[in-house]
Protein backbone atom coordinates (compact mmCIF):
# COMPACT_ATOMS: atom_id res chain seq x y z
CA MET A 1 47.58 31.91 0.35
CA VAL A 2 44.16 34.54 0.75
CA ASP A 3 42.24 31.79 1.23
CA SER A 4 44.41 30.54 4.60
CA VAL A 5 44.27 34.17 5.90
CA VAL A 6 40.39 34.30 5.37
CA TYR A 7 39.33 31.30 6.18
CA LYS A 8 41.89 29.76 7.95
CA GLY A 9 43.34 32.58 10.45
CA PHE A 10 46.94 32.69 9.20
CA SER A 11 48.57 35.42 8.88
CA LEU A 12 49.88 36.31 4.83
CA PRO A 13 53.75 35.84 5.75
CA GLN A 14 52.78 32.35 7.10
CA ALA A 15 50.04 31.86 4.32
CA LEU A 16 52.83 33.12 1.81
CA ASP A 17 55.80 30.31 3.54
CA ASP A 18 53.43 27.59 3.41
CA CYS A 19 51.62 27.89 0.40
CA LEU A 20 54.75 28.91 -1.94
CA PRO A 21 56.35 26.29 -3.93
CA ASP A 22 59.87 26.23 -3.52
CA HIS A 23 60.60 25.98 -7.53
CA LEU A 24 59.32 29.75 -7.95
CA SER A 25 60.99 31.97 -10.23
CA ALA A 26 61.96 35.42 -7.81
CA LYS A 27 60.29 37.53 -10.30
CA ASP A 28 56.53 35.13 -9.62
CA ARG A 29 57.60 34.98 -5.86
CA ARG A 30 57.24 39.01 -6.58
CA PHE A 31 54.24 38.95 -8.49
CA VAL A 32 52.57 35.83 -5.32
CA LYS A 33 53.40 38.42 -2.64
CA ALA A 34 52.17 41.15 -4.20
CA LEU A 35 48.66 40.10 -5.51
CA SER A 36 48.11 38.25 -2.03
CA TYR A 37 49.51 41.13 -0.06
CA GLY A 38 47.26 43.39 -2.84
CA THR A 39 44.02 41.60 -2.64
CA VAL A 40 43.95 41.31 1.00
CA ARG A 41 44.45 44.74 1.90
CA ASP A 42 41.81 45.56 -0.61
CA TYR A 43 39.65 42.66 0.52
CA PHE A 44 36.41 44.71 2.16
CA PRO A 45 35.57 46.09 -1.41
CA LEU A 46 36.11 43.65 -3.71
CA ASP A 47 34.31 41.63 -1.35
CA PHE A 48 31.49 44.13 -2.21
CA ILE A 49 31.77 43.72 -6.35
CA LEU A 50 31.78 40.41 -5.70
CA GLY A 51 28.75 40.48 -3.62
CA HIS A 52 27.06 42.96 -6.80
CA LEU A 53 28.70 40.45 -9.37
CA LEU A 54 27.32 37.09 -8.33
CA ASN A 55 23.69 36.95 -8.74
CA LYS A 56 23.18 34.43 -5.43
CA PRO A 57 26.64 34.31 -2.68
CA LEU A 58 28.47 30.95 -3.18
CA ARG A 59 27.93 28.30 -0.75
CA LYS A 60 30.43 28.75 2.49
CA LYS A 61 32.35 25.40 1.44
CA GLU A 62 33.02 26.85 -2.09
CA HIS A 63 34.70 29.45 -0.29
CA PHE A 64 38.17 28.79 -2.23
CA ILE A 65 36.44 29.99 -5.48
CA LYS A 66 35.50 33.26 -3.95
CA MET A 67 38.92 33.76 -2.90
CA LEU A 68 39.84 32.95 -6.72
CA ALA A 69 37.22 35.83 -7.68
CA LEU A 70 38.70 38.22 -5.88
CA VAL A 71 42.29 37.82 -6.69
CA GLY A 72 41.00 37.68 -10.29
CA LEU A 73 38.71 41.22 -9.38
CA TYR A 74 42.15 42.16 -8.19
CA GLN A 75 44.40 41.82 -10.70
CA LEU A 76 41.87 43.67 -12.97
CA ALA A 77 41.39 46.42 -10.81
CA SER A 78 44.48 47.14 -9.34
CA MET A 79 47.40 45.14 -10.67
CA GLY A 80 47.33 46.77 -14.61
CA VAL A 81 47.19 42.95 -15.82
CA ALA A 82 46.22 42.67 -19.35
CA PRO A 83 42.51 41.71 -18.81
CA HIS A 84 42.55 38.48 -21.10
CA ALA A 85 45.51 37.44 -18.99
CA ALA A 86 43.92 38.17 -15.92
CA VAL A 87 40.68 36.29 -16.72
CA SER A 88 42.29 32.96 -18.43
CA THR A 89 45.18 32.49 -15.41
CA THR A 90 42.15 32.92 -12.53
CA VAL A 91 39.92 30.93 -14.56
CA GLN A 92 42.54 27.76 -15.46
CA ALA A 93 42.94 27.78 -11.53
CA ALA A 94 39.53 26.48 -11.54
CA SER A 95 39.60 23.96 -14.10
CA HIS A 96 39.36 20.61 -12.12
CA LYS A 97 35.45 22.79 -11.88
CA PRO A 98 33.51 23.30 -14.72
CA TRP A 99 30.91 25.23 -13.07
CA ALA A 100 32.97 27.67 -11.27
CA LYS A 101 35.26 28.00 -15.01
CA SER A 102 31.86 29.32 -16.27
CA LEU A 103 31.20 31.58 -13.35
CA LEU A 104 34.79 33.48 -12.95
CA ASN A 105 34.50 34.17 -16.31
CA ALA A 106 31.20 35.78 -15.93
CA VAL A 107 32.31 37.72 -13.05
CA LEU A 108 35.97 38.85 -14.23
CA ARG A 109 34.07 39.80 -18.06
CA ASN A 110 30.82 41.67 -16.18
CA PHE A 111 33.71 43.61 -13.39
CA GLN A 112 34.76 44.70 -16.91
CA ARG A 113 31.81 46.09 -18.14
CA GLN A 114 29.91 47.30 -14.70
CA HIS A 115 33.38 48.75 -13.55
CA ALA A 116 32.72 52.30 -13.09
CA ASP A 117 28.81 51.62 -11.86
CA LEU A 118 30.54 49.76 -9.05
CA GLU A 119 33.25 52.30 -7.91
CA ARG A 120 29.93 54.49 -7.64
CA LEU A 121 28.65 52.37 -5.12
CA ILE A 122 31.82 51.89 -3.22
CA ALA A 123 32.12 55.61 -2.58
CA GLN A 124 28.00 54.99 -0.79
CA ASP A 125 29.38 52.11 1.58
CA VAL A 126 32.21 53.07 4.23
CA GLN A 127 33.30 49.29 4.82
CA ALA A 128 33.84 49.25 0.77
CA ARG A 129 34.73 52.89 0.49
CA THR A 130 37.19 52.57 3.74
CA ALA A 131 38.40 48.89 3.17
CA HIS A 132 38.01 48.53 6.56
CA PRO A 133 36.04 46.61 8.37
CA VAL A 134 33.00 48.50 10.37
CA TRP A 135 33.92 47.83 14.01
CA MET A 136 37.41 49.60 13.39
CA ILE A 137 35.95 52.09 11.54
CA GLU A 138 33.56 52.74 14.32
CA THR A 139 36.70 52.37 16.84
CA PHE A 140 38.88 55.05 15.23
CA GLN A 141 36.20 57.68 14.89
CA HIS A 142 35.25 57.42 18.41
CA ASP A 143 38.87 57.47 19.46
CA TRP A 144 40.12 60.07 16.80
CA GLN A 145 37.31 61.67 15.33
CA SER A 146 38.55 64.62 12.03
CA ASN A 147 42.31 62.21 11.93
CA THR A 148 40.11 58.72 10.58
CA GLU A 149 39.77 59.67 7.58
CA THR A 150 43.74 59.86 7.20
CA LEU A 151 44.65 57.18 9.30
CA LEU A 152 42.38 54.96 6.95
CA GLN A 153 44.11 56.00 4.53
CA HIS A 154 47.00 55.12 5.51
CA ASN A 155 46.78 51.89 6.47
CA ASN A 156 46.23 51.70 2.46
CA ARG A 157 49.28 52.61 1.46
CA GLN A 158 52.21 50.87 1.53
CA ALA A 159 54.68 51.29 3.96
CA PRO A 160 57.96 52.22 3.90
CA MET A 161 61.18 50.11 3.77
CA VAL A 162 63.58 51.49 7.33
CA LEU A 163 67.14 49.96 8.04
CA ARG A 164 68.44 50.39 11.17
CA VAL A 165 72.17 50.52 10.97
CA ASN A 166 74.43 48.13 13.26
CA ARG A 167 76.10 50.84 14.92
CA LEU A 168 78.76 48.19 16.51
CA LYS A 169 79.84 47.63 12.74
CA PHE A 170 79.16 50.91 11.25
CA ASN A 171 78.29 54.65 10.90
CA ARG A 172 75.29 55.68 9.54
CA ASP A 173 76.99 57.75 6.76
CA ASP A 174 79.19 54.92 5.86
CA TYR A 175 76.43 52.52 5.09
CA LEU A 176 74.96 55.09 3.25
CA GLY A 177 77.66 55.20 1.27
CA LYS A 178 77.49 51.39 0.63
CA LEU A 179 74.13 51.55 -0.16
CA LYS A 180 75.05 53.86 -2.95
CA VAL A 181 77.64 51.84 -4.17
CA ALA A 182 74.84 49.14 -4.56
CA GLY A 183 72.70 51.04 -6.58
CA ILE A 184 70.47 50.93 -3.45
CA SER A 185 68.73 54.80 -3.57
CA ALA A 186 68.27 55.22 0.32
CA GLN A 187 67.71 58.47 2.93
CA PRO A 188 69.00 59.41 6.65
CA SER A 189 65.60 59.02 8.62
CA GLU A 190 64.63 62.43 9.97
CA ILE A 191 62.93 60.52 13.18
CA SER A 192 66.18 58.28 14.16
CA VAL A 193 69.87 58.99 13.68
CA ASP A 194 70.18 54.76 13.55
CA GLY A 195 67.90 55.12 10.62
CA ILE A 196 67.84 55.21 7.00
CA VAL A 197 64.69 54.70 5.18
CA LEU A 198 64.79 53.25 1.73
CA ASP A 199 63.63 54.81 -1.85
CA THR A 200 61.93 51.20 -2.28
CA PRO A 201 61.58 48.43 -0.86
CA ILE A 202 63.99 45.14 -1.49
CA GLU A 203 64.13 41.91 -0.81
CA VAL A 204 66.90 41.38 2.42
CA ALA A 205 69.31 39.71 0.43
CA SER A 206 70.25 42.59 -1.76
CA LEU A 207 71.67 44.45 1.37
CA PRO A 208 75.05 45.49 1.21
CA GLU A 209 76.50 42.87 4.44
CA PHE A 210 73.01 42.12 5.82
CA GLU A 211 73.95 38.83 6.73
CA GLN A 212 76.63 40.02 8.88
CA GLY A 213 75.01 42.20 10.70
CA ALA A 214 75.23 45.23 9.24
CA VAL A 215 71.28 46.24 9.90
CA TYR A 216 68.27 45.67 10.82
CA VAL A 217 65.14 45.99 9.18
CA GLN A 218 62.78 48.15 11.68
CA ASP A 219 60.23 51.11 11.30
CA SER A 220 61.54 53.93 13.01
CA ALA A 221 58.79 54.45 15.54
CA ALA A 222 60.46 51.31 17.62
CA GLN A 223 63.68 52.26 16.79
CA LEU A 224 62.45 54.85 19.36
CA VAL A 225 62.40 52.42 21.92
CA ALA A 226 65.32 52.37 22.82
CA HIS A 227 65.61 55.56 22.81
CA PHE A 228 63.46 56.76 25.17
CA LEU A 229 64.71 54.01 27.77
CA ASP A 230 67.69 56.22 28.24
CA ILE A 231 69.86 53.06 29.42
CA LYS A 232 73.15 53.18 30.82
CA PRO A 233 76.50 51.63 31.13
CA GLY A 234 76.64 48.80 34.03
CA GLN A 235 72.35 48.60 34.05
CA ARG A 236 70.27 45.43 34.07
CA VAL A 237 67.41 45.42 31.12
CA ALA A 238 64.90 42.96 30.27
CA ASP A 239 62.15 42.88 27.69
CA LEU A 240 59.46 40.56 28.50
CA CYS A 241 57.77 40.22 24.96
CA ALA A 242 61.07 40.06 23.20
CA ALA A 243 60.67 38.31 19.93
CA PRO A 244 61.91 39.06 16.95
CA GLY A 245 64.17 40.97 19.19
CA GLY A 246 64.87 43.98 17.05
CA LYS A 247 64.56 46.47 20.83
CA ALA A 248 66.48 44.04 23.17
CA ILE A 249 69.34 43.97 20.46
CA HIS A 250 69.13 47.85 19.78
CA ALA A 251 69.36 48.73 22.86
CA LEU A 252 72.82 46.43 23.42
CA GLU A 253 73.92 48.19 20.14
CA ARG A 254 73.72 51.48 21.85
CA CYS A 255 75.05 50.86 24.89
CA PRO A 256 77.02 47.68 24.92
CA GLN A 257 78.30 48.31 28.38
CA LEU A 258 75.30 46.27 29.94
CA LYS A 259 75.89 44.76 32.81
CA GLU A 260 72.77 41.93 31.55
CA LEU A 261 69.76 42.05 29.14
CA VAL A 262 67.90 39.14 29.65
CA ALA A 263 64.87 38.86 26.95
CA VAL A 264 62.14 36.48 27.55
CA ASP A 265 59.44 35.86 24.78
CA ILE A 266 56.32 32.54 25.31
CA GLU A 267 56.62 31.25 22.18
CA ALA A 268 60.01 28.73 21.54
CA SER A 269 59.94 29.35 17.72
CA ARG A 270 60.32 33.01 18.45
CA VAL A 271 63.42 31.87 21.14
CA ASN A 272 64.83 30.87 18.10
CA THR A 273 64.32 33.79 15.92
CA ILE A 274 65.94 35.93 18.57
CA THR A 275 68.65 33.85 19.03
CA SER A 276 69.35 34.13 15.40
CA ASN A 277 68.80 37.91 15.42
CA ALA A 278 71.54 38.31 18.41
CA GLN A 279 73.79 36.52 16.30
CA ARG A 280 73.71 37.92 12.95
CA CYS A 281 73.76 41.55 14.97
CA GLY A 282 76.88 40.37 17.69
CA VAL A 283 75.20 40.94 21.05
CA SER A 284 74.98 38.88 23.69
CA ILE A 285 71.13 38.19 25.02
CA THR A 286 70.38 35.86 28.13
CA LEU A 287 67.54 34.29 26.74
CA HIS A 288 64.43 32.46 28.74
CA CYS A 289 60.90 30.85 26.80
CA ALA A 290 58.87 31.37 29.38
CA ASP A 291 55.73 32.71 30.08
CA ALA A 292 56.73 36.62 31.14
CA THR A 293 53.82 36.78 34.28
CA ASN A 294 55.02 33.93 35.65
CA LEU A 295 58.19 35.26 37.30
CA ASP A 296 59.02 32.04 38.98
CA ALA A 297 59.32 30.16 35.93
CA TRP A 298 62.11 32.77 34.69
CA TRP A 299 62.80 35.43 37.29
CA ASP A 300 65.70 35.18 39.69
CA GLY A 301 64.75 37.54 42.28
CA SER A 302 67.54 40.51 40.94
CA VAL A 303 66.11 43.45 40.11
CA PHE A 304 66.01 45.10 36.86
CA ASP A 305 67.26 49.52 35.94
CA ARG A 306 64.86 48.96 33.37
CA VAL A 307 62.45 46.77 32.29
CA MET A 308 61.13 47.02 28.55
CA LEU A 309 57.31 46.08 27.79
CA ASP A 310 56.47 46.05 24.12
CA VAL A 311 52.73 44.61 24.43
CA PRO A 312 50.87 42.00 22.64
CA CYS A 313 48.04 44.41 20.99
CA SER A 314 45.34 44.67 18.15
CA GLY A 315 48.73 45.48 14.73
CA THR A 316 45.74 48.28 14.12
CA GLY A 317 49.04 50.79 14.64
CA VAL A 318 50.53 48.46 11.82
CA ILE A 319 47.52 47.77 9.10
CA ARG A 320 49.80 49.56 5.98
CA ARG A 321 52.89 46.47 6.75
CA HIS A 322 50.32 43.88 8.09
CA PRO A 323 47.08 44.35 6.17
CA ASP A 324 45.54 40.75 7.09
CA ILE A 325 44.80 42.49 10.62
CA LYS A 326 41.99 44.15 9.11
CA CYS A 327 40.70 40.24 8.55
CA LEU A 328 41.80 38.12 11.21
CA ARG A 329 41.52 41.36 14.26
CA ARG A 330 37.66 40.63 15.70
CA ALA A 331 36.72 43.67 18.08
CA GLU A 332 36.37 40.84 20.45
CA ASP A 333 39.49 40.29 20.55
CA ILE A 334 40.63 43.95 22.32
CA PRO A 335 39.45 43.26 25.87
CA ALA A 336 41.37 39.89 26.04
CA LEU A 337 44.07 42.04 24.43
CA VAL A 338 43.54 44.50 27.34
CA LYS A 339 43.94 41.94 30.32
CA ARG A 340 46.75 40.39 29.38
CA GLN A 341 48.62 43.84 29.26
CA ARG A 342 47.58 44.98 32.52
CA ALA A 343 49.29 41.69 33.79
CA LEU A 344 52.49 42.21 31.38
CA LEU A 345 52.62 45.35 33.02
CA VAL A 346 51.98 44.40 36.40
CA ALA A 347 55.11 41.57 36.28
CA GLY A 348 57.27 43.98 34.34
CA TRP A 349 56.78 46.42 37.98
CA LYS A 350 57.29 43.72 40.09
CA ILE A 351 60.75 43.04 38.77
CA LEU A 352 61.51 46.76 38.48
CA SER A 353 64.05 48.39 40.56
CA PRO A 354 63.10 51.37 43.24
CA GLY A 355 64.16 53.79 40.99
CA GLY A 356 63.98 51.97 37.92
CA VAL A 357 61.81 52.61 34.27
CA LEU A 358 59.45 50.76 32.99
CA LEU A 359 58.96 51.70 29.04
CA TYR A 360 55.10 50.53 27.85
CA SER A 361 54.80 50.43 24.01
CA THR A 362 52.15 49.03 21.20
CA CYS A 363 52.19 48.84 18.01
CA SER A 364 48.33 50.08 17.85
CA VAL A 365 46.55 52.97 17.74
CA LEU A 366 43.49 52.08 20.04
CA LYS A 367 43.59 54.39 23.01
CA GLN A 368 42.14 51.31 24.99
CA GLU A 369 45.42 49.78 24.98
CA ASN A 370 47.29 52.54 25.14
CA THR A 371 46.25 56.17 27.20
CA ARG A 372 43.47 54.05 29.35
CA GLN A 373 45.82 50.97 30.49
CA ILE A 374 47.87 53.36 31.39
CA LYS A 375 46.18 55.70 33.19
CA TRP A 376 44.64 52.55 34.70
CA PHE A 377 47.86 51.81 36.02
CA LEU A 378 49.10 54.55 37.15
CA LYS A 379 45.84 54.74 39.48
CA THR A 380 46.16 51.48 41.00
CA HIS A 381 50.34 51.58 41.66
CA ALA A 382 51.17 54.29 43.88
CA ASP A 383 54.14 53.88 42.84
CA ALA A 384 54.78 55.11 39.98
CA ARG A 385 54.84 57.83 38.16
CA GLU A 386 54.96 60.02 34.88
CA TRP A 387 58.54 59.95 33.10
CA PRO A 388 57.22 62.31 29.95
CA ILE A 389 58.34 61.85 26.79
CA GLU A 390 59.82 64.24 24.31
CA LEU A 391 59.16 63.40 21.07
CA PRO A 392 61.81 64.22 18.02
CA GLY A 393 61.06 67.72 16.78
CA SER A 394 59.89 66.92 13.77
CA ILE A 395 56.70 64.30 15.01
CA ASN A 396 53.76 66.03 15.93
CA ASP A 397 51.34 63.78 19.10
CA ALA A 398 48.19 62.49 17.57
CA GLN A 399 46.62 63.40 21.13
CA SER A 400 46.05 66.01 23.22
CA GLU A 401 45.49 63.55 26.68
CA THR A 402 47.97 62.81 28.67
CA PRO A 403 49.42 59.70 29.67
CA GLY A 404 52.09 58.36 27.13
CA ARG A 405 52.44 59.87 23.19
CA GLN A 406 50.77 58.59 21.14
CA VAL A 407 51.90 58.91 16.84
CA LEU A 408 48.92 57.66 13.92
CA THR A 409 50.41 55.69 11.40
CA GLY A 410 51.59 57.90 8.56
CA THR A 411 52.67 61.05 10.74
CA GLN A 412 56.46 61.45 9.13
CA GLY A 413 56.13 58.16 7.95
CA MET A 414 55.76 55.95 10.46
CA ASP A 415 53.95 53.91 11.49
CA GLY A 416 51.36 54.10 14.48
CA PHE A 417 53.10 53.32 17.94
CA TYR A 418 52.02 54.48 21.86
CA TYR A 419 55.03 55.21 24.11
CA ALA A 420 54.84 55.52 28.53
CA ARG A 421 57.55 55.84 30.33
CA LEU A 422 56.58 54.82 34.35
CA ARG A 423 59.49 55.39 36.88
CA LYS A 424 59.48 53.38 40.17
CA THR A 425 59.26 55.96 43.42
CA LYS A 426 62.09 54.86 45.44
């Protein structure tokens, strides 16, 4: 799995779906998932350690053996696996290559002997110490100065599992009662009126009436999007980057009297996911599989009262949920993302009615995708005005500058998120 992420560019969920054998027990699947996520999360310190334990670097074509070494090191360093078990299973996985078995055995044994010295070396290397690539660290430092260290620490922690109660089916107190009966410990979210935070993440299949649409798994930060959109009965709403559909579905749960909600996504498989999620939650969405910026391909010319624009972004606000971002994302990716975001902003503005509202959001903490993006848009669109957002009282905004509001990862337990609300003048 780790090899598929680092060398093939797969996301971790995609790698797990492709590589996990169906015959594995639930317990073994949980172990493999924890091992894969942990190794990717700690890829940079583990790679640093391996570099110091090898007499010479492994050849590029031996990348699978390198990943085996990292997986073995993670078991020894962070999982509490018995040393003999971690060493033997890692070595056995390379049984088809006798030279690799000897190398892996030596590396893991030497790590046990040199652990303290290696920890001191890690503390002196910024990439290994923070478990982030240098370009990302430098960008955070440029944007957030004194907040950088805290941001990096939160990125390396496990995110909470947050549910959104489907108010078409339950109120939050009633569902909290169902969780209690099921022996699942949880607390009401202090951020979202529909949110519930589980004390410990669990499989969704264990949630009461999950398949009947009682709840949707969604972080508190993302749950605020529908709230900030300020939707009213009888309005037409468009969601231009809709998959997997959570924000569009939430809008309909909050206001089922909408005239229509139109959701657009560019990938057919992702549109299918929206369909499945909408059916499970009991809402009706008009779906289009199209590039949202190609208006001729999907738009009928009727303007919308509200436009949701949760754009493709660097994902730097959700690294704690998707640690593969640290391995997959590159600094050179950002300009292309910014260009795409601008194209979506322009398209979304064209379909918005005079007096209508567009809500721009990202799960990024990079100012280039957030504050600077909206500054550009306001400068180039004379009919756009910011409608300031007031965050819930317990949330501290990370920025003093406007436009928009930035929440950094870990604030009140939330994912990193940016919001900007724009009104089109009449």
